[in-house]
Protein backbone atom coordinates (compact mmCIF):
# COMPACT_ATOMS: atom_id res chain seq x y z
CA MET A 1 -11.31 26.21 3.42
CA THR A 2 -9.83 25.23 0.08
CA GLY A 3 -11.37 22.86 -2.43
CA ARG A 4 -11.10 19.10 -2.77
CA LEU A 5 -7.69 17.53 -3.14
CA PRO A 6 -6.72 15.81 -6.42
CA ALA A 7 -7.98 12.30 -7.04
CA ALA A 8 -5.88 9.70 -5.29
CA CYS A 9 -3.95 6.97 -6.98
CA VAL A 10 -4.69 3.36 -6.19
CA LEU A 11 -2.07 0.82 -5.26
CA LEU A 12 -2.75 -2.65 -6.57
CA VAL A 13 -0.67 -5.65 -5.60
CA VAL A 14 -1.51 -8.60 -7.81
CA LEU A 15 -0.35 -12.10 -6.93
CA SER A 16 -0.41 -14.05 -10.17
CA ALA A 17 1.00 -17.08 -11.93
CA CYS A 18 4.77 -17.48 -11.78
CA SER A 19 6.72 -16.55 -14.89
CA GLY A 20 9.99 -18.13 -13.83
CA GLY A 21 13.05 -16.95 -11.98
CA ALA A 22 11.51 -17.51 -8.56
CA THR A 23 13.47 -16.84 -5.39
CA LEU A 24 13.83 -19.87 -3.14
CA PRO A 25 11.96 -19.55 0.16
CA PRO A 26 13.47 -19.86 3.62
CA PRO A 27 13.85 -23.46 4.81
CA SER A 28 10.71 -23.17 6.97
CA ARG A 29 8.63 -22.98 3.80
CA LEU A 30 10.21 -25.86 1.89
CA PRO A 31 7.75 -28.64 0.99
CA THR A 32 7.00 -31.36 3.48
CA ALA A 33 5.50 -34.78 2.97
CA SER A 34 2.03 -33.21 2.79
CA SER A 35 2.79 -30.04 0.81
CA GLY A 36 4.33 -29.22 -2.56
CA ILE A 37 5.98 -26.23 -4.18
CA ALA A 38 3.66 -23.28 -4.91
CA THR A 39 4.83 -20.38 -7.09
CA GLY A 40 3.55 -17.06 -8.36
CA THR A 41 4.45 -13.52 -9.40
CA LEU A 42 3.62 -10.43 -7.37
CA ALA A 43 3.01 -7.38 -9.57
CA ILE A 44 2.70 -3.86 -8.13
CA SER A 45 0.84 -1.24 -10.14
CA SER A 46 -1.18 1.93 -9.69
CA SER A 47 -4.24 3.47 -11.28
CA ALA A 48 -5.89 6.88 -11.03
CA GLN A 49 -9.25 5.82 -9.61
CA ASN A 50 -11.14 7.03 -6.56
CA ALA A 51 -11.96 4.52 -3.84
CA THR A 52 -15.52 4.19 -2.57
CA GLY A 53 -17.30 1.82 -0.24
CA LYS A 54 -16.47 0.40 3.14
CA THR A 55 -13.36 -0.40 5.14
CA ARG A 56 -10.23 -1.70 3.41
CA LYS A 57 -9.75 0.56 0.41
CA PRO A 58 -7.07 1.32 -2.15
CA THR A 59 -4.58 3.89 -0.90
CA TYR A 60 -2.54 6.71 -2.31
CA VAL A 61 0.53 5.43 -4.12
CA SER A 62 3.53 7.43 -3.03
CA THR A 63 5.55 8.71 -5.96
CA SER A 64 8.59 8.39 -3.65
CA THR A 65 8.46 4.58 -3.74
CA THR A 66 11.81 3.10 -4.77
CA PHE A 67 11.69 -0.49 -3.42
CA ALA A 68 9.14 -3.19 -2.65
CA THR A 69 9.77 -6.05 -0.23
CA LEU A 70 7.76 -9.26 0.20
CA TRP A 71 7.79 -11.59 3.18
CA ILE A 72 5.90 -14.87 3.39
CA ASP A 73 4.78 -15.88 6.88
CA ALA A 74 6.84 -14.79 9.89
CA GLY A 75 10.28 -15.33 8.40
CA THR A 76 12.66 -12.38 8.19
CA THR A 77 14.11 -13.49 4.83
CA GLY A 78 12.30 -11.28 2.32
CA THR A 79 12.51 -10.70 -1.41
CA ARG A 80 13.32 -7.06 -2.25
CA VAL A 81 13.27 -5.45 -5.70
CA PRO A 82 13.54 -1.92 -7.13
CA CYS A 83 10.08 -0.45 -7.69
CA THR A 84 8.88 2.84 -9.14
CA ALA A 85 5.17 3.14 -8.36
CA ILE A 86 4.17 5.66 -11.02
CA GLY A 87 1.68 5.16 -13.85
CA ASN A 88 -1.10 2.72 -14.59
CA THR A 89 0.93 -0.35 -15.49
CA PRO A 90 2.95 -2.68 -13.25
CA SER A 91 6.22 -1.02 -12.40
CA CYS A 92 7.87 -3.91 -10.56
CA THR A 93 7.35 -7.62 -10.00
CA ILE A 94 8.52 -10.16 -7.43
CA ASN A 95 8.65 -13.86 -8.24
CA TRP A 96 7.87 -15.87 -5.11
CA THR A 97 8.10 -19.51 -4.08
CA SER A 98 6.34 -21.10 -1.13
CA THR A 99 4.43 -24.31 -0.37
CA SER A 100 0.81 -25.31 -0.76
CA GLY A 101 -1.52 -24.43 2.09
CA SER A 102 -2.29 -21.25 4.04
CA HIS A 103 0.36 -18.49 4.07
CA THR A 104 0.55 -14.82 5.00
CA PHE A 105 1.89 -12.43 2.37
CA SER A 106 3.26 -9.17 3.81
CA ILE A 107 4.40 -6.31 1.59
CA ALA A 108 6.11 -2.98 2.32
CA LEU A 109 6.98 -0.11 -0.01
CA ASP A 110 9.76 2.27 1.00
CA ASP A 111 11.93 5.15 -0.20
CA GLY A 112 15.31 3.48 0.31
CA THR A 113 18.32 4.00 -1.91
CA SER A 114 19.73 0.46 -1.85
CA VAL A 115 18.43 -3.03 -2.47
CA VAL A 116 20.16 -4.15 0.72
CA GLY A 117 17.90 -1.90 2.76
CA GLY A 118 17.43 1.36 4.58
CA GLY A 119 14.50 3.73 4.13
CA ASN A 120 11.10 4.87 5.38
CA ILE A 121 8.00 2.70 5.09
CA LEU A 122 5.48 4.49 2.83
CA ALA A 123 2.83 1.78 2.44
CA GLU A 124 2.26 -1.76 3.61
CA GLY A 125 -0.28 -4.55 3.70
CA SER A 126 -0.82 -8.22 4.36
CA ALA A 127 -3.23 -10.97 3.36
CA VAL A 128 -3.67 -14.65 4.14
CA GLU A 129 -3.83 -16.77 1.00
CA THR A 130 -4.42 -20.46 0.42
CA LEU A 131 -1.91 -21.73 -2.14
CA VAL A 132 -2.13 -24.80 -4.33
CA GLU A 133 0.76 -26.86 -5.61
CA GLY A 134 2.08 -25.40 -8.85
CA THR A 135 1.34 -21.92 -10.18
CA ASN A 136 -1.09 -19.63 -8.34
CA THR A 137 -3.20 -16.67 -9.42
CA LEU A 138 -4.39 -14.84 -6.31
CA PRO A 139 -6.68 -11.85 -5.72
CA THR A 140 -5.54 -8.24 -5.69
CA MET A 141 -4.28 -7.03 -2.32
CA TYR A 142 -4.60 -3.37 -1.32
CA LEU A 143 -1.94 -1.63 0.74
CA ASN A 144 -2.30 0.92 3.53
CA GLY A 145 -0.58 4.28 3.29
CA VAL A 146 1.57 4.96 6.37
CA PRO A 147 0.98 8.40 7.92
CA ALA A 148 4.10 10.26 9.05
CA GLN A 149 3.05 13.91 9.13
CA VAL A 150 0.14 16.33 8.96
CA ILE A 151 0.61 19.30 6.61
CA PHE A 152 -1.29 22.59 7.17
CA ARG A 153 -3.96 23.09 4.54
CA SER A 154 -6.23 26.03 5.31
CA GLU A 155 -7.98 28.01 8.03
CA GLN A 156 -10.74 30.57 8.50
CA LEU A 157 -11.20 33.05 11.33
CA TRP A 158 -14.69 33.25 12.85
CA THR A 159 -15.42 36.18 15.14
CA ASN A 160 -17.70 36.13 18.18
CA TYR A 161 -20.57 33.66 17.67
CA GLU A 162 -20.63 33.46 13.89
CA SER A 163 -19.72 29.77 14.09
CA PRO A 164 -20.78 27.06 16.56
CA TYR A 165 -17.07 26.32 16.93
CA CYS A 166 -16.73 29.59 18.83
CA GLU A 167 -19.37 28.85 21.48
CA GLY A 168 -16.81 27.04 23.60
CA THR A 169 -17.29 26.44 27.30
CA PRO A 170 -20.51 27.83 28.91
CA GLY A 171 -19.80 30.98 30.88
CA TYR A 172 -16.93 32.11 28.66
CA THR A 173 -16.98 34.66 25.88
CA PHE A 174 -14.55 34.04 23.07
CA GLY A 175 -13.16 36.73 20.83
CA GLY A 176 -13.28 34.33 17.90
CA CYS A 177 -11.87 30.99 16.76
CA TYR A 178 -9.93 29.51 13.90
CA GLU A 179 -11.41 26.63 11.95
CA GLY A 180 -8.92 24.82 9.74
CA SER A 181 -7.61 21.54 8.44
CA GLY A 182 -4.46 19.59 7.76
CA SER A 183 -3.73 16.84 5.27
CA VAL A 184 -2.15 13.52 6.22
CA ALA A 185 1.02 12.64 4.32
CA ASP A 186 3.67 9.93 4.23
CA ALA A 187 7.30 10.34 5.29
CA ASP A 188 8.13 12.13 2.04
CA GLY A 189 5.20 14.55 2.10
CA ASN A 190 2.92 12.73 -0.35
CA LEU A 191 -0.73 13.15 0.64
CA LEU A 192 -2.60 9.99 1.68
CA GLU A 193 -5.88 10.53 -0.09
CA ASN A 194 -8.58 7.86 -0.24
CA SER A 195 -6.60 5.75 2.19
CA PRO A 196 -7.73 2.54 3.83
CA ASN A 197 -7.87 2.21 7.60
CA LEU A 198 -4.96 3.91 9.34
CA ASP A 199 -2.94 1.14 10.92
CA ASP A 200 -2.21 3.23 14.01
CA GLY A 201 -5.95 3.35 14.76
CA GLY A 202 -6.39 7.08 14.22
CA LEU A 203 -4.80 10.51 14.43
CA CYS A 204 -5.95 13.66 16.30
CA LEU A 205 -4.91 17.32 16.33
CA VAL A 206 -4.80 18.89 19.81
CA PRO A 207 -3.35 22.11 21.30
CA SER A 208 0.25 21.85 22.44
CA ASN A 209 -0.34 23.81 25.65
CA SER A 210 -3.71 23.46 27.33
CA VAL A 211 -2.50 25.41 30.39
CA VAL A 212 -2.82 28.72 28.54
CA GLY A 213 -6.57 28.32 28.23
CA ALA A 214 -6.60 27.05 24.67
CA THR A 215 -9.70 25.05 23.88
CA SER A 216 -10.31 23.06 20.74
CA ASN A 217 -13.08 21.26 18.94
CA THR A 218 -10.81 18.94 17.03
CA SER A 219 -11.71 15.98 14.92
CA CYS A 220 -9.73 12.79 14.75
CA LEU A 221 -9.02 10.64 11.73
CA HIS A 222 -10.34 7.11 12.15
CA GLY A 223 -10.81 4.31 9.66
CA TYR A 224 -11.29 5.09 5.98
CA VAL A 225 -9.87 8.50 5.05
CA GLU A 226 -11.90 9.90 2.18
CA LEU A 227 -9.80 12.98 1.54
CA GLY A 228 -7.05 12.68 4.13
CA TYR A 229 -8.23 15.66 6.19
CA ILE A 230 -7.99 16.32 9.90
CA ALA A 231 -10.25 19.26 10.76
CA TYR A 232 -9.81 21.39 13.86
CA ALA A 233 -11.12 24.51 15.59
CA VAL A 234 -9.30 26.44 18.32
CA ALA A 235 -10.34 29.30 20.61
CA CYS A 236 -9.09 30.83 23.85
CA GLN A 237 -10.65 30.94 27.29
CA PRO A 238 -9.99 34.25 29.10
CA VAL A 239 -6.60 34.20 30.77
CA SER A 240 -4.72 36.78 32.78
CA ASP A 241 -1.89 37.17 30.32
CA VAL A 242 -0.78 36.46 26.77
CA ALA A 243 0.28 32.94 25.80
CA THR A 244 0.87 30.99 22.60
CA PHE A 245 0.31 27.45 21.40
CA THR A 246 0.35 25.40 18.23
CA LEU A 247 -1.23 22.04 17.33
CA VAL A 248 0.32 18.62 17.73
CA ALA A 249 -0.69 15.28 16.21
CA THR A 250 -1.54 12.53 18.68
CA PRO A 251 -2.04 8.92 17.48
CA THR A 252 -4.98 7.29 19.23
CA ASN A 253 -3.18 3.95 19.38
CA PRO A 254 0.56 4.55 19.01
CA GLY A 255 2.77 1.57 18.30
CA PRO A 256 3.97 -0.64 15.46
CA TYR A 257 1.52 -1.05 12.62
CA GLY A 258 1.55 -4.84 12.63
CA GLU A 259 1.31 -5.52 8.88
CA VAL A 260 5.06 -6.16 8.80
CA SER A 261 6.92 -7.22 11.93
CA GLU A 262 9.74 -5.27 13.53
CA ALA A 263 12.06 -8.24 12.95
CA GLN A 264 11.23 -8.27 9.24
CA LEU A 265 11.86 -4.55 8.94
CA ALA A 266 15.13 -4.83 10.86
CA ALA A 267 16.43 -7.34 8.33
CA PHE A 268 16.47 -4.51 5.76
CA ASN A 269 16.93 -1.58 8.16
CA LEU A 270 13.51 -0.16 7.27
CA THR A 271 11.84 2.36 9.57
CA TYR A 272 8.30 3.28 10.57
CA PRO A 273 7.49 6.91 11.37
CA ASN A 274 7.68 7.66 15.09
CA GLN A 275 4.10 7.01 16.14
CA ALA A 276 4.59 8.81 19.44
CA SER A 277 5.39 12.05 17.62
CA ILE A 278 3.82 12.53 14.20
CA ALA A 279 5.28 15.63 12.54
CA VAL A 280 2.97 18.65 12.19
CA LYS A 281 4.27 20.79 9.32
CA ASN A 282 3.67 24.48 8.59
CA PHE A 283 0.88 24.98 11.12
CA PRO A 284 0.53 28.56 12.46
CA THR A 285 1.28 29.52 16.05
CA TYR A 286 -1.81 30.85 17.84
CA THR A 287 -1.79 33.58 20.46
CA CYS A 288 -4.30 33.93 23.28
CA ASP A 289 -4.62 37.52 24.52
CA TYR A 290 -7.18 37.80 27.34
CA GLY A 291 -9.56 35.53 25.43
CA ASP A 292 -8.87 36.92 21.96
CA ILE A 293 -7.13 34.60 19.50
CA SER A 294 -4.82 35.49 16.65
CA ASP A 295 -2.18 33.80 14.54
């Protein structure tokens, strides 16, 4: 196994006092008799700090980020600005206008090439905030990295019973097993280190063809991802011929992430990774030969 991955960057979204030039909200958020105009400025920045603690944590900031989009509440009219999420100072800001009271702020970062839309979602998040009439300074909101692929990282061959991974099913004798790991990355191959909870609920590595007698002691990624690893171990039960298999990524709860709605994404032609088929990149193909495994 290789060493630790580099320290992750942290994505900070700061909702602060408005500095002017605000974009008017959709009509559904115009003031009523009981609410007044509320304004602020959303600033996106990154810092090179590790995340520690419990559940919702700062996430890796993709260096492929080119645009940031903000939606307030369920409306599909968003505010979209160019954004380069590199460095330790704010790299883009969005002036927003809403009304006093409780509102949901939803943010997505993507790799699009145009302000009118198009691109892959790289990170996203949402938070419910209570606004006051006038200018607002709100807490920092952390964004989730969006997993799109698992990239092969390392492996080690264990022969016979040198590792508990090779014990397998009682009654079978294995000729060895491979213990390895992959790293979770976004749509552009940037590793999601020190990520918050995966919005898809989790990600597992499993053999692509269980019929050949492949058996695995895989681990799944759930919740906070300290280093972005998915570990696995594969061995072969005795079979009457030679067969091959690789590993595939299986989301434990495939479907839309939910931080940003499909209707909001459609307004800018933004795309989530296909949660039914997460890409597995550069993994070796394993061969089972009468119980012996090789790659």
